[in-house]
Amino acid sequence: MSLSQAQKKAFRSIGHHLNPVVTVSENGLSEGVLAELDRALEDHELVKVKLALGDRNDRQAMINDLTEASRGELVQTIGKVALLYRHNPRVNPKLSNIQRFENHHGRR
């Protein structure tokens, strides 16, 4: 499923207020990093990932690898932070960043 421009815009608005929950270091994508990202996407659907890599090309390659490995979609990249989304049809509404935002702001 590919996100529409309207969805990406809404998710960027939500993501603006989020803190990174996963950090990828120079060591790359370890099993621990992938497991943590999978858990975060499962619980929250929309998460920020910090990439502690100096080279822009390395960061872009890592973002591509993260997106593919997590089966998620890239919403936005700003500097060393990527915003990833993966829909979870059985998400806990109290944990989902999207549903919490919509409920808090009277949307739905």
PDB file of N, CA and C in Angstrom:
ATOM      1  N   MET A   1       0.845  -1.181   0.000  1.00  0.00           N
ATOM      2  CA  MET A   1       0.000   0.000   0.000  1.00  0.00           C
ATOM      3  C   MET A   1       0.891   1.247   0.000  1.00  0.00           C
ATOM      4  N   SER A   2       0.623   2.113  -0.911  1.00  0.00           N
ATOM      5  CA  SER A   2       1.395   3.340  -0.992  1.00  0.00           C
ATOM      6  C   SER A   2       0.583   4.482  -0.373  1.00  0.00           C
ATOM      7  N   LEU A   3       1.244   5.305   0.390  1.00  0.00           N
ATOM      8  CA  LEU A   3       0.560   6.409   1.054  1.00  0.00           C
ATOM      9  C   LEU A   3       0.259   7.528   0.062  1.00  0.00           C
ATOM     10  N   SER A   4      -0.909   8.122   0.199  1.00  0.00           N
ATOM     11  CA  SER A   4      -1.255   9.283  -0.626  1.00  0.00           C
ATOM     12  C   SER A   4      -0.522  10.511  -0.077  1.00  0.00           C
ATOM     13  N   GLN A   5      -0.484  11.563  -0.877  1.00  0.00           N
ATOM     14  CA  GLN A   5       0.154  12.797  -0.425  1.00  0.00           C
ATOM     15  C   GLN A   5      -0.564  13.370   0.799  1.00  0.00           C
ATOM     16  N   ALA A   6      -1.887  13.234   0.833  1.00  0.00           N
ATOM     17  CA  ALA A   6      -2.657  13.733   1.981  1.00  0.00           C
ATOM     18  C   ALA A   6      -2.311  12.946   3.247  1.00  0.00           C
ATOM     19  N   GLN A   7      -2.159  11.623   3.114  1.00  0.00           N
ATOM     20  CA  GLN A   7      -1.779  10.811   4.270  1.00  0.00           C
ATOM     21  C   GLN A   7      -0.383  11.193   4.751  1.00  0.00           C
ATOM     22  N   LYS A   8       0.538  11.345   3.806  1.00  0.00           N
ATOM     23  CA  LYS A   8       1.903  11.726   4.195  1.00  0.00           C
ATOM     24  C   LYS A   8       1.915  13.066   4.908  1.00  0.00           C
ATOM     25  N   LYS A   9       1.127  14.004   4.420  1.00  0.00           N
ATOM     26  CA  LYS A   9       1.061  15.321   5.061  1.00  0.00           C
ATOM     27  C   LYS A   9       0.529  15.195   6.486  1.00  0.00           C
ATOM     28  N   ALA A  10      -0.534  14.410   6.664  1.00  0.00           N
ATOM     29  CA  ALA A  10      -1.108  14.210   8.004  1.00  0.00           C
ATOM     30  C   ALA A  10      -0.099  13.515   8.919  1.00  0.00           C
ATOM     31  N   PHE A  11       0.603  12.508   8.398  1.00  0.00           N
ATOM     32  CA  PHE A  11       1.570  11.780   9.213  1.00  0.00           C
ATOM     33  C   PHE A  11       2.775  12.654   9.558  1.00  0.00           C
ATOM     34  N   ARG A  12       3.194  13.535   8.635  1.00  0.00           N
ATOM     35  CA  ARG A  12       4.289  14.462   8.949  1.00  0.00           C
ATOM     36  C   ARG A  12       3.888  15.383  10.094  1.00  0.00           C
ATOM     37  N   SER A  13       2.628  15.821  10.086  1.00  0.00           N
ATOM     38  CA  SER A  13       2.127  16.687  11.151  1.00  0.00           C
ATOM     39  C   SER A  13       2.174  15.967  12.500  1.00  0.00           C
ATOM     40  N   ILE A  14       1.767  14.707  12.507  1.00  0.00           N
ATOM     41  CA  ILE A  14       1.807  13.909  13.742  1.00  0.00           C
ATOM     42  C   ILE A  14       3.266  13.666  14.145  1.00  0.00           C
ATOM     43  N   GLY A  15       4.090  13.290  13.176  1.00  0.00           N
ATOM     44  CA  GLY A  15       5.483  12.949  13.434  1.00  0.00           C
ATOM     45  C   GLY A  15       6.305  14.100  13.959  1.00  0.00           C
ATOM     46  N   HIS A  16       5.895  15.315  13.645  1.00  0.00           N
ATOM     47  CA  HIS A  16       6.622  16.499  14.104  1.00  0.00           C
ATOM     48  C   HIS A  16       6.793  16.494  15.622  1.00  0.00           C
ATOM     49  N   HIS A  17       5.824  15.960  16.336  1.00  0.00           N
ATOM     50  CA  HIS A  17       5.816  15.992  17.800  1.00  0.00           C
ATOM     51  C   HIS A  17       6.428  14.741  18.433  1.00  0.00           C
ATOM     52  N   LEU A  18       6.862  13.795  17.621  1.00  0.00           N
ATOM     53  CA  LEU A  18       7.407  12.546  18.149  1.00  0.00           C
ATOM     54  C   LEU A  18       8.909  12.647  18.370  1.00  0.00           C
ATOM     55  N   ASN A  19       9.398  11.857  19.307  1.00  0.00           N
ATOM     56  CA  ASN A  19      10.830  11.710  19.523  1.00  0.00           C
ATOM     57  C   ASN A  19      11.278  10.395  18.886  1.00  0.00           C
ATOM     58  N   PRO A  20      12.531  10.317  18.438  1.00  0.00           N
ATOM     59  CA  PRO A  20      13.017   9.050  17.876  1.00  0.00           C
ATOM     60  C   PRO A  20      12.959   7.939  18.918  1.00  0.00           C
ATOM     61  N   VAL A  21      12.486   6.772  18.500  1.00  0.00           N
ATOM     62  CA  VAL A  21      12.391   5.633  19.417  1.00  0.00           C
ATOM     63  C   VAL A  21      13.441   4.571  19.116  1.00  0.00           C
ATOM     64  N   VAL A  22      14.067   4.663  17.956  1.00  0.00           N
ATOM     65  CA  VAL A  22      15.111   3.723  17.559  1.00  0.00           C
ATOM     66  C   VAL A  22      16.275   4.537  16.999  1.00  0.00           C
ATOM     67  N   THR A  23      17.502   4.139  17.362  1.00  0.00           N
ATOM     68  CA  THR A  23      18.697   4.786  16.827  1.00  0.00           C
ATOM     69  C   THR A  23      19.544   3.743  16.120  1.00  0.00           C
ATOM     70  N   VAL A  24      19.934   4.056  14.894  1.00  0.00           N
ATOM     71  CA  VAL A  24      20.819   3.185  14.125  1.00  0.00           C
ATOM     72  C   VAL A  24      22.200   3.825  14.146  1.00  0.00           C
ATOM     73  N   SER A  25      23.189   3.061  14.617  1.00  0.00           N
ATOM     74  CA  SER A  25      24.547   3.595  14.721  1.00  0.00           C
ATOM     75  C   SER A  25      25.386   3.139  13.532  1.00  0.00           C
ATOM     76  N   GLU A  26      26.658   3.453  13.602  1.00  0.00           N
ATOM     77  CA  GLU A  26      27.596   3.056  12.554  1.00  0.00           C
ATOM     78  C   GLU A  26      27.649   1.538  12.399  1.00  0.00           C
ATOM     79  N   ASN A  27      27.215   0.798  13.429  1.00  0.00           N
ATOM     80  CA  ASN A  27      27.241  -0.666  13.374  1.00  0.00           C
ATOM     81  C   ASN A  27      26.194  -1.228  12.421  1.00  0.00           C
ATOM     82  N   GLY A  28      25.252  -0.408  12.001  1.00  0.00           N
ATOM     83  CA  GLY A  28      24.257  -0.849  11.018  1.00  0.00           C
ATOM     84  C   GLY A  28      23.057  -1.535  11.624  1.00  0.00           C
ATOM     85  N   LEU A  29      22.412  -2.347  10.803  1.00  0.00           N
ATOM     86  CA  LEU A  29      21.165  -2.987  11.193  1.00  0.00           C
ATOM     87  C   LEU A  29      21.418  -4.324  11.873  1.00  0.00           C
ATOM     88  N   SER A  30      21.520  -4.307  13.177  1.00  0.00           N
ATOM     89  CA  SER A  30      21.677  -5.543  13.934  1.00  0.00           C
ATOM     90  C   SER A  30      20.298  -6.160  14.144  1.00  0.00           C
ATOM     91  N   GLU A  31      20.284  -7.396  14.585  1.00  0.00           N
ATOM     92  CA  GLU A  31      19.005  -8.050  14.891  1.00  0.00           C
ATOM     93  C   GLU A  31      18.256  -7.282  15.976  1.00  0.00           C
ATOM     94  N   GLY A  32      18.993  -6.743  16.934  1.00  0.00           N
ATOM     95  CA  GLY A  32      18.369  -5.980  18.019  1.00  0.00           C
ATOM     96  C   GLY A  32      17.681  -4.716  17.515  1.00  0.00           C
ATOM     97  N   VAL A  33      18.341  -4.001  16.601  1.00  0.00           N
ATOM     98  CA  VAL A  33      17.759  -2.780  16.034  1.00  0.00           C
ATOM     99  C   VAL A  33      16.497  -3.123  15.252  1.00  0.00           C
ATOM    100  N   LEU A  34      16.577  -4.167  14.432  1.00  0.00           N
ATOM    101  CA  LEU A  34      15.407  -4.562  13.633  1.00  0.00           C
ATOM    102  C   LEU A  34      14.256  -5.036  14.520  1.00  0.00           C
ATOM    103  N   ALA A  35      14.574  -5.754  15.586  1.00  0.00           N
ATOM    104  CA  ALA A  35      13.531  -6.224  16.505  1.00  0.00           C
ATOM    105  C   ALA A  35      12.868  -5.035  17.205  1.00  0.00           C
ATOM    106  N   GLU A  36      13.667  -4.069  17.624  1.00  0.00           N
ATOM    107  CA  GLU A  36      13.120  -2.882  18.294  1.00  0.00           C
ATOM    108  C   GLU A  36      12.268  -2.057  17.336  1.00  0.00           C
ATOM    109  N   LEU A  37      12.720  -1.906  16.097  1.00  0.00           N
ATOM    110  CA  LEU A  37      11.935  -1.178  15.101  1.00  0.00           C
ATOM    111  C   LEU A  37      10.623  -1.900  14.808  1.00  0.00           C
ATOM    112  N   ASP A  38      10.681  -3.214  14.699  1.00  0.00           N
ATOM    113  CA  ASP A  38       9.470  -3.993  14.447  1.00  0.00           C
ATOM    114  C   ASP A  38       8.475  -3.822  15.588  1.00  0.00           C
ATOM    115  N   ARG A  39       8.972  -3.888  16.830  1.00  0.00           N
ATOM    116  CA  ARG A  39       8.094  -3.717  17.990  1.00  0.00           C
ATOM    117  C   ARG A  39       7.495  -2.310  18.016  1.00  0.00           C
ATOM    118  N   ALA A  40       8.316  -1.309  17.724  1.00  0.00           N
ATOM    119  CA  ALA A  40       7.846   0.076  17.738  1.00  0.00           C
ATOM    120  C   ALA A  40       6.774   0.307  16.674  1.00  0.00           C
ATOM    121  N   LEU A  41       6.988  -0.211  15.470  1.00  0.00           N
ATOM    122  CA  LEU A  41       5.993  -0.052  14.408  1.00  0.00           C
ATOM    123  C   LEU A  41       4.716  -0.824  14.734  1.00  0.00           C
ATOM    124  N   GLU A  42       4.877  -1.993  15.329  1.00  0.00           N
ATOM    125  CA  GLU A  42       3.716  -2.806  15.719  1.00  0.00           C
ATOM    126  C   GLU A  42       2.860  -2.055  16.746  1.00  0.00           C
ATOM    127  N   ASP A  43       3.517  -1.424  17.716  1.00  0.00           N
ATOM    128  CA  ASP A  43       2.797  -0.715  18.783  1.00  0.00           C
ATOM    129  C   ASP A  43       2.293   0.659  18.350  1.00  0.00           C
ATOM    130  N   HIS A  44       3.126   1.400  17.644  1.00  0.00           N
ATOM    131  CA  HIS A  44       2.842   2.825  17.412  1.00  0.00           C
ATOM    132  C   HIS A  44       2.478   3.190  15.980  1.00  0.00           C
ATOM    133  N   GLU A  45       2.734   2.312  15.017  1.00  0.00           N
ATOM    134  CA  GLU A  45       2.463   2.508  13.595  1.00  0.00           C
ATOM    135  C   GLU A  45       3.330   3.589  12.949  1.00  0.00           C
ATOM    136  N   LEU A  46       3.538   4.699  13.616  1.00  0.00           N
ATOM    137  CA  LEU A  46       4.313   5.814  13.074  1.00  0.00           C
ATOM    138  C   LEU A  46       5.439   6.121  14.052  1.00  0.00           C
ATOM    139  N   VAL A  47       6.696   5.980  13.589  1.00  0.00           N
ATOM    140  CA  VAL A  47       7.834   6.172  14.491  1.00  0.00           C
ATOM    141  C   VAL A  47       8.952   6.945  13.797  1.00  0.00           C
ATOM    142  N   LYS A  48       9.726   7.638  14.635  1.00  0.00           N
ATOM    143  CA  LYS A  48      10.931   8.313  14.155  1.00  0.00           C
ATOM    144  C   LYS A  48      12.128   7.423  14.454  1.00  0.00           C
ATOM    145  N   VAL A  49      13.058   7.397  13.495  1.00  0.00           N
ATOM    146  CA  VAL A  49      14.299   6.645  13.642  1.00  0.00           C
ATOM    147  C   VAL A  49      15.450   7.614  13.447  1.00  0.00           C
ATOM    148  N   LYS A  50      16.379   7.618  14.399  1.00  0.00           N
ATOM    149  CA  LYS A  50      17.559   8.478  14.294  1.00  0.00           C
ATOM    150  C   LYS A  50      18.692   7.668  13.680  1.00  0.00           C
ATOM    151  N   LEU A  51      19.357   8.263  12.698  1.00  0.00           N
ATOM    152  CA  LEU A  51      20.457   7.596  12.008  1.00  0.00           C
ATOM    153  C   LEU A  51      21.764   8.295  12.368  1.00  0.00           C
ATOM    154  N   ALA A  52      22.556   7.644  13.210  1.00  0.00           N
ATOM    155  CA  ALA A  52      23.813   8.237  13.674  1.00  0.00           C
ATOM    156  C   ALA A  52      24.925   7.920  12.682  1.00  0.00           C
ATOM    157  N   LEU A  53      24.707   8.320  11.428  1.00  0.00           N
ATOM    158  CA  LEU A  53      25.676   8.099  10.363  1.00  0.00           C
ATOM    159  C   LEU A  53      26.036   9.458   9.768  1.00  0.00           C
ATOM    160  N   GLY A  54      27.319   9.706   9.575  1.00  0.00           N
ATOM    161  CA  GLY A  54      27.752  11.006   9.086  1.00  0.00           C
ATOM    162  C   GLY A  54      27.515  11.239   7.604  1.00  0.00           C
ATOM    163  N   ASP A  55      27.718  10.215   6.794  1.00  0.00           N
ATOM    164  CA  ASP A  55      27.639  10.374   5.346  1.00  0.00           C
ATOM    165  C   ASP A  55      26.194  10.315   4.850  1.00  0.00           C
ATOM    166  N   ARG A  56      25.798  11.278   4.054  1.00  0.00           N
ATOM    167  CA  ARG A  56      24.421  11.368   3.547  1.00  0.00           C
ATOM    168  C   ARG A  56      24.044  10.144   2.717  1.00  0.00           C
ATOM    169  N   ASN A  57      24.971   9.672   1.869  1.00  0.00           N
ATOM    170  CA  ASN A  57      24.683   8.499   1.045  1.00  0.00           C
ATOM    171  C   ASN A  57      24.502   7.246   1.900  1.00  0.00           C
ATOM    172  N   ASP A  58      25.320   7.123   2.960  1.00  0.00           N
ATOM    173  CA  ASP A  58      25.173   5.995   3.884  1.00  0.00           C
ATOM    174  C   ASP A  58      23.818   6.052   4.578  1.00  0.00           C
ATOM    175  N   ARG A  59      23.408   7.258   4.977  1.00  0.00           N
ATOM    176  CA  ARG A  59      22.097   7.402   5.635  1.00  0.00           C
ATOM    177  C   ARG A  59      20.975   6.993   4.692  1.00  0.00           C
ATOM    178  N   GLN A  60      21.041   7.440   3.439  1.00  0.00           N
ATOM    179  CA  GLN A  60      19.980   7.103   2.484  1.00  0.00           C
ATOM    180  C   GLN A  60      19.924   5.599   2.234  1.00  0.00           C
ATOM    181  N   ALA A  61      21.085   4.962   2.115  1.00  0.00           N
ATOM    182  CA  ALA A  61      21.126   3.511   1.933  1.00  0.00           C
ATOM    183  C   ALA A  61      20.528   2.807   3.151  1.00  0.00           C
ATOM    184  N   MET A  62      20.854   3.315   4.347  1.00  0.00           N
ATOM    185  CA  MET A  62      20.332   2.722   5.577  1.00  0.00           C
ATOM    186  C   MET A  62      18.815   2.903   5.667  1.00  0.00           C
ATOM    187  N   ILE A  63      18.313   4.058   5.262  1.00  0.00           N
ATOM    188  CA  ILE A  63      16.867   4.299   5.261  1.00  0.00           C
ATOM    189  C   ILE A  63      16.181   3.311   4.314  1.00  0.00           C
ATOM    190  N   ASN A  64      16.763   3.109   3.145  1.00  0.00           N
ATOM    191  CA  ASN A  64      16.194   2.144   2.204  1.00  0.00           C
ATOM    192  C   ASN A  64      16.167   0.744   2.801  1.00  0.00           C
ATOM    193  N   ASP A  65      17.269   0.351   3.462  1.00  0.00           N
ATOM    194  CA  ASP A  65      17.343  -0.966   4.102  1.00  0.00           C
ATOM    195  C   ASP A  65      16.326  -1.086   5.230  1.00  0.00           C
ATOM    196  N   LEU A  66      16.211  -0.029   6.047  1.00  0.00           N
ATOM    197  CA  LEU A  66      15.251  -0.032   7.158  1.00  0.00           C
ATOM    198  C   LEU A  66      13.818  -0.172   6.655  1.00  0.00           C
ATOM    199  N   THR A  67      13.493   0.592   5.638  1.00  0.00           N
ATOM    200  CA  THR A  67      12.137   0.576   5.093  1.00  0.00           C
ATOM    201  C   THR A  67      11.792  -0.807   4.568  1.00  0.00           C
ATOM    202  N   GLU A  68      12.728  -1.403   3.838  1.00  0.00           N
ATOM    203  CA  GLU A  68      12.491  -2.728   3.280  1.00  0.00           C
ATOM    204  C   GLU A  68      12.411  -3.788   4.378  1.00  0.00           C
ATOM    205  N   ALA A  69      13.368  -3.776   5.312  1.00  0.00           N
ATOM    206  CA  ALA A  69      13.416  -4.785   6.372  1.00  0.00           C
ATOM    207  C   ALA A  69      12.197  -4.701   7.297  1.00  0.00           C
ATOM    208  N   SER A  70      11.675  -3.499   7.510  1.00  0.00           N
ATOM    209  CA  SER A  70      10.544  -3.327   8.429  1.00  0.00           C
ATOM    210  C   SER A  70       9.193  -3.495   7.734  1.00  0.00           C
ATOM    211  N   ARG A  71       9.218  -3.614   6.405  1.00  0.00           N
ATOM    212  CA  ARG A  71       7.980  -3.669   5.616  1.00  0.00           C
ATOM    213  C   ARG A  71       7.143  -2.414   5.855  1.00  0.00           C
ATOM    214  N   GLY A  72       7.838  -1.312   6.103  1.00  0.00           N
ATOM    215  CA  GLY A  72       7.173  -0.040   6.365  1.00  0.00           C
ATOM    216  C   GLY A  72       7.263   0.876   5.167  1.00  0.00           C
ATOM    217  N   GLU A  73       6.778   2.079   5.356  1.00  0.00           N
ATOM    218  CA  GLU A  73       6.847   3.089   4.309  1.00  0.00           C
ATOM    219  C   GLU A  73       7.513   4.338   4.866  1.00  0.00           C
ATOM    220  N   LEU A  74       8.367   4.913   4.048  1.00  0.00           N
ATOM    221  CA  LEU A  74       9.039   6.145   4.435  1.00  0.00           C
ATOM    222  C   LEU A  74       8.076   7.308   4.226  1.00  0.00           C
ATOM    223  N   VAL A  75       7.828   8.056   5.277  1.00  0.00           N
ATOM    224  CA  VAL A  75       6.959   9.218   5.197  1.00  0.00           C
ATOM    225  C   VAL A  75       7.793  10.463   4.920  1.00  0.00           C
ATOM    226  N   GLN A  76       8.927  10.579   5.616  1.00  0.00           N
ATOM    227  CA  GLN A  76       9.732  11.793   5.515  1.00  0.00           C
ATOM    228  C   GLN A  76      11.136  11.532   6.046  1.00  0.00           C
ATOM    229  N   THR A  77      12.099  12.261   5.499  1.00  0.00           N
ATOM    230  CA  THR A  77      13.461  12.266   6.029  1.00  0.00           C
ATOM    231  C   THR A  77      13.885  13.711   6.206  1.00  0.00           C
ATOM    232  N   ILE A  78      14.357  14.027   7.393  1.00  0.00           N
ATOM    233  CA  ILE A  78      14.913  15.359   7.649  1.00  0.00           C
ATOM    234  C   ILE A  78      16.248  15.140   8.346  1.00  0.00           C
ATOM    235  N   GLY A  79      17.321  15.509   7.661  1.00  0.00           N
ATOM    236  CA  GLY A  79      18.651  15.352   8.238  1.00  0.00           C
ATOM    237  C   GLY A  79      18.937  13.919   8.606  1.00  0.00           C
ATOM    238  N   LYS A  80      19.143  13.667   9.889  1.00  0.00           N
ATOM    239  CA  LYS A  80      19.486  12.332  10.364  1.00  0.00           C
ATOM    240  C   LYS A  80      18.296  11.597  10.974  1.00  0.00           C
ATOM    241  N   VAL A  81      17.088  12.041  10.658  1.00  0.00           N
ATOM    242  CA  VAL A  81      15.879  11.425  11.223  1.00  0.00           C
ATOM    243  C   VAL A  81      14.937  11.011  10.103  1.00  0.00           C
ATOM    244  N   ALA A  82      14.459   9.772  10.196  1.00  0.00           N
ATOM    245  CA  ALA A  82      13.484   9.260   9.230  1.00  0.00           C
ATOM    246  C   ALA A  82      12.177   8.968   9.961  1.00  0.00           C
ATOM    247  N   LEU A  83      11.062   9.239   9.296  1.00  0.00           N
ATOM    248  CA  LEU A  83       9.735   8.961   9.835  1.00  0.00           C
ATOM    249  C   LEU A  83       9.172   7.782   9.047  1.00  0.00           C
ATOM    250  N   LEU A  84       8.921   6.674   9.743  1.00  0.00           N
ATOM    251  CA  LEU A  84       8.432   5.453   9.103  1.00  0.00           C
ATOM    252  C   LEU A  84       7.024   5.122   9.577  1.00  0.00           C
ATOM    253  N   TYR A  85       6.251   4.510   8.673  1.00  0.00           N
ATOM    254  CA  TYR A  85       4.874   4.119   8.978  1.00  0.00           C
ATOM    255  C   TYR A  85       4.659   2.677   8.539  1.00  0.00           C
ATOM    256  N   ARG A  86       3.950   1.925   9.360  1.00  0.00           N
ATOM    257  CA  ARG A  86       3.473   0.594   8.974  1.00  0.00           C
ATOM    258  C   ARG A  86       2.117   0.380   9.631  1.00  0.00           C
ATOM    259  N   HIS A  87       1.107   0.149   8.809  1.00  0.00           N
ATOM    260  CA  HIS A  87      -0.251  -0.050   9.313  1.00  0.00           C
ATOM    261  C   HIS A  87      -0.341  -1.345  10.106  1.00  0.00           C
ATOM    262  N   ASN A  88      -1.056  -1.300  11.216  1.00  0.00           N
ATOM    263  CA  ASN A  88      -1.330  -2.482  12.026  1.00  0.00           C
ATOM    264  C   ASN A  88      -2.835  -2.534  12.253  1.00  0.00           C
ATOM    265  N   PRO A  89      -3.545  -3.473  11.610  1.00  0.00           N
ATOM    266  CA  PRO A  89      -5.000  -3.530  11.760  1.00  0.00           C
ATOM    267  C   PRO A  89      -5.455  -3.876  13.188  1.00  0.00           C
ATOM    268  N   ARG A  90      -4.551  -4.446  14.001  1.00  0.00           N
ATOM    269  CA  ARG A  90      -4.922  -4.829  15.372  1.00  0.00           C
ATOM    270  C   ARG A  90      -4.199  -3.976  16.412  1.00  0.00           C
ATOM    271  N   VAL A  91      -3.882  -2.746  16.044  1.00  0.00           N
ATOM    272  CA  VAL A  91      -3.113  -1.881  16.936  1.00  0.00           C
ATOM    273  C   VAL A  91      -3.928  -1.498  18.174  1.00  0.00           C
ATOM    274  N   ASN A  92      -3.237  -1.329  19.282  1.00  0.00           N
ATOM    275  CA  ASN A  92      -3.858  -0.835  20.500  1.00  0.00           C
ATOM    276  C   ASN A  92      -4.052   0.672  20.337  1.00  0.00           C
ATOM    277  N   PRO A  93      -5.312   1.157  20.370  1.00  0.00           N
ATOM    278  CA  PRO A  93      -5.556   2.589  20.162  1.00  0.00           C
ATOM    279  C   PRO A  93      -4.834   3.490  21.165  1.00  0.00           C
ATOM    280  N   LYS A  94      -4.507   2.957  22.331  1.00  0.00           N
ATOM    281  CA  LYS A  94      -3.812   3.767  23.335  1.00  0.00           C
ATOM    282  C   LYS A  94      -2.322   3.896  23.028  1.00  0.00           C
ATOM    283  N   LEU A  95      -1.799   3.022  22.166  1.00  0.00           N
ATOM    284  CA  LEU A  95      -0.385   3.074  21.808  1.00  0.00           C
ATOM    285  C   LEU A  95      -0.142   3.700  20.445  1.00  0.00           C
ATOM    286  N   SER A  96      -1.098   3.602  19.541  1.00  0.00           N
ATOM    287  CA  SER A  96      -0.921   4.106  18.182  1.00  0.00           C
ATOM    288  C   SER A  96      -0.772   5.624  18.185  1.00  0.00           C
ATOM    289  N   ASN A  97       0.340   6.103  17.653  1.00  0.00           N
ATOM    290  CA  ASN A  97       0.548   7.553  17.574  1.00  0.00           C
ATOM    291  C   ASN A  97      -0.518   8.211  16.710  1.00  0.00           C
ATOM    292  N   ILE A  98      -0.960   7.521  15.686  1.00  0.00           N
ATOM    293  CA  ILE A  98      -1.966   8.075  14.778  1.00  0.00           C
ATOM    294  C   ILE A  98      -3.324   8.173  15.468  1.00  0.00           C
ATOM    295  N   GLN A  99      -3.766   7.091  16.078  1.00  0.00           N
ATOM    296  CA  GLN A  99      -5.084   7.114  16.729  1.00  0.00           C
ATOM    297  C   GLN A  99      -5.107   8.030  17.948  1.00  0.00           C
ATOM    298  N   ARG A 100      -4.016   8.078  18.693  1.00  0.00           N
ATOM    299  CA  ARG A 100      -3.975   8.987  19.850  1.00  0.00           C
ATOM    300  C   ARG A 100      -4.069  10.433  19.389  1.00  0.00           C
ATOM    301  N   PHE A 101      -3.379  10.774  18.309  1.00  0.00           N
ATOM    302  CA  PHE A 101      -3.427  12.131  17.769  1.00  0.00           C
ATOM    303  C   PHE A 101      -4.840  12.457  17.288  1.00  0.00           C
ATOM    304  N   GLU A 102      -5.433  11.543  16.535  1.00  0.00           N
ATOM    305  CA  GLU A 102      -6.782  11.777  15.999  1.00  0.00           C
ATOM    306  C   GLU A 102      -7.807  11.904  17.120  1.00  0.00           C
ATOM    307  N   ASN A 103      -7.688  11.069  18.133  1.00  0.00           N
ATOM    308  CA  ASN A 103      -8.629  11.131  19.253  1.00  0.00           C
ATOM    309  C   ASN A 103      -8.444  12.434  20.040  1.00  0.00           C
ATOM    310  N   HIS A 104      -7.202  12.832  20.230  1.00  0.00           N
ATOM    311  CA  HIS A 104      -6.896  14.047  20.985  1.00  0.00           C
ATOM    312  C   HIS A 104      -7.365  15.306  20.243  1.00  0.00           C
ATOM    313  N   HIS A 105      -7.296  15.263  18.923  1.00  0.00           N
ATOM    314  CA  HIS A 105      -7.656  16.426  18.125  1.00  0.00           C
ATOM    315  C   HIS A 105      -9.050  16.327  17.517  1.00  0.00           C
ATOM    316  N   GLY A 106      -9.858  15.391  17.997  1.00  0.00           N
ATOM    317  CA  GLY A 106     -11.256  15.309  17.590  1.00  0.00           C
ATOM    318  C   GLY A 106     -11.484  14.902  16.157  1.00  0.00           C
ATOM    319  N   ARG A 107     -10.560  14.118  15.608  1.00  0.00           N
ATOM    320  CA  ARG A 107     -10.722  13.645  14.242  1.00  0.00           C
ATOM    321  C   ARG A 107     -11.242  12.222  14.260  1.00  0.00           C
ATOM    322  N   ARG A 108     -11.758  11.784  13.116  1.00  0.00           N
ATOM    323  CA  ARG A 108     -12.211  10.416  12.858  1.00  0.00           C
ATOM    324  C   ARG A 108     -13.586  10.435  12.329  1.00  0.00           C
TER     325      ARG A 108
END
